[in-house]
């Protein structure tokens, strides 16, 4: 199942009753493609869904590269929804320009991996 901005409150409540506690958002680019993996829901949906995630006490799981996380996290942590970085934010090593930014958010307790 996919949850984007059009998911109903009733659906979210039924998922909550079934044990769901997070939604996944994808910014990772598909190999050989110019955009996200087909069928994925991106960070724009997280902005729209954040109030409902907060109300349910849910997390947002983000699959993005360390460089993308460095760009997105300042806006996303302001949504006041717990953010979990899938695949450890996929840094390309300690020299990755996004690595320090991700570590900074981790140190501040604003995101988890």
Protein backbone atom coordinates (compact mmCIF):
# COMPACT_ATOMS: atom_id res chain seq x y z
CA UNK A 1 0.00 0.00 0.00
CA UNK A 2 1.10 3.54 -0.68
CA UNK A 3 0.16 6.57 1.37
CA UNK A 4 0.38 9.95 -0.25
CA UNK A 5 -1.49 13.20 0.34
CA UNK A 6 -4.75 11.58 -0.76
CA UNK A 7 -4.86 8.87 1.93
CA UNK A 8 -7.93 9.28 4.09
CA UNK A 9 -7.92 9.74 7.84
CA UNK A 10 -10.06 6.61 8.13
CA UNK A 11 -7.39 4.59 6.31
CA UNK A 12 -4.63 5.92 8.56
CA UNK A 13 -6.69 5.12 11.65
CA UNK A 14 -7.32 1.58 10.40
CA UNK A 15 -3.60 1.13 9.71
CA UNK A 16 -2.83 2.45 13.18
CA UNK A 17 -5.21 -0.11 14.69
CA UNK A 18 -3.36 -2.78 12.68
CA UNK A 19 0.00 -1.70 14.14
CA UNK A 20 1.43 0.65 11.51
CA UNK A 21 3.58 3.37 13.11
CA UNK A 22 5.45 4.95 10.19
CA UNK A 23 5.21 5.93 6.56
CA UNK A 24 8.10 5.74 4.11
CA UNK A 25 9.13 8.56 1.80
CA UNK A 26 11.60 8.08 -1.04
CA UNK A 27 13.93 10.62 -2.58
CA UNK A 28 16.49 8.09 -3.80
CA UNK A 29 16.90 8.27 -7.55
CA UNK A 30 16.29 5.17 -9.62
CA UNK A 31 19.40 3.82 -11.35
CA UNK A 32 19.61 5.03 -14.91
CA UNK A 33 16.57 7.22 -14.43
CA UNK A 34 16.11 10.87 -13.86
CA UNK A 35 13.60 10.61 -11.03
CA UNK A 36 12.54 8.67 -7.99
CA UNK A 37 11.76 5.00 -8.11
CA UNK A 38 8.43 4.53 -9.89
CA UNK A 39 5.46 4.53 -7.54
CA UNK A 40 7.35 6.05 -4.64
CA UNK A 41 6.10 8.90 -2.47
CA UNK A 42 8.48 11.81 -1.91
CA UNK A 43 9.13 14.46 0.68
CA UNK A 44 6.41 16.78 -0.63
CA UNK A 45 3.89 14.22 0.64
CA UNK A 46 5.62 14.23 4.03
CA UNK A 47 5.02 17.98 4.30
CA UNK A 48 1.33 17.43 3.57
CA UNK A 49 0.99 14.42 5.89
CA UNK A 50 3.07 15.73 8.82
CA UNK A 51 0.13 17.00 10.91
CA UNK A 52 -1.57 13.62 10.64
CA UNK A 53 1.63 11.72 11.42
CA UNK A 54 2.11 13.89 14.53
CA UNK A 55 -1.49 13.29 15.63
CA UNK A 56 -1.00 9.52 15.35
CA UNK A 57 2.46 9.58 16.96
CA UNK A 58 4.02 8.08 13.84
CA UNK A 59 7.50 8.34 12.36
CA UNK A 60 8.55 9.25 8.84
CA UNK A 61 11.14 6.97 7.25
CA UNK A 62 13.20 8.67 4.56
CA UNK A 63 15.20 6.84 1.91
CA UNK A 64 17.62 9.35 0.46
CA UNK A 65 21.35 9.75 -0.10
CA UNK A 66 23.46 11.60 2.45
CA UNK A 67 23.68 14.57 0.05
CA UNK A 68 19.89 14.63 -0.32
CA UNK A 69 19.48 14.33 3.46
CA UNK A 70 21.81 17.30 3.97
CA UNK A 71 19.55 19.35 1.72
CA UNK A 72 16.20 18.09 3.01
CA UNK A 73 16.67 17.65 6.76
CA UNK A 74 16.63 21.32 7.78
CA UNK A 75 13.08 21.54 6.38
CA UNK A 76 11.98 18.10 7.50
CA UNK A 77 13.04 18.29 11.14
CA UNK A 78 11.00 21.50 11.40
CA UNK A 79 7.88 19.38 10.75
CA UNK A 80 8.25 17.96 14.29
CA UNK A 81 7.81 14.35 13.14
CA UNK A 82 10.44 11.76 14.13
CA UNK A 83 12.61 11.09 11.08
CA UNK A 84 14.36 7.75 10.53
CA UNK A 85 16.96 7.66 7.75
CA UNK A 86 16.64 4.38 5.88
CA UNK A 87 19.79 2.60 4.75
CA UNK A 88 21.86 4.76 7.14
CA UNK A 89 21.41 7.72 4.73
CA UNK A 90 23.70 5.90 2.30
CA UNK A 91 26.85 8.01 2.71
CA UNK A 92 29.63 7.24 0.27
CA UNK A 93 32.08 7.31 3.18
CA UNK A 94 33.23 9.93 5.69
CA UNK A 95 34.37 12.21 2.87
CA UNK A 96 30.82 12.40 1.48
CA UNK A 97 29.76 16.07 1.72
CA UNK A 98 26.40 15.06 3.22
CA UNK A 99 27.94 12.82 5.88
CA UNK A 100 28.77 15.64 8.31
CA UNK A 101 25.31 17.15 7.93
CA UNK A 102 23.67 13.81 8.73
CA UNK A 103 25.98 13.35 11.73
CA UNK A 104 25.06 16.82 12.97
CA UNK A 105 21.36 15.98 12.94
CA UNK A 106 22.08 12.66 14.66
CA UNK A 107 24.12 14.39 17.38
CA UNK A 108 21.26 16.80 17.99
CA UNK A 109 18.86 13.88 18.40
CA UNK A 110 16.72 15.16 15.56
CA UNK A 111 16.94 12.07 13.36
CA UNK A 112 17.67 8.36 13.75
CA UNK A 113 19.20 5.69 11.51
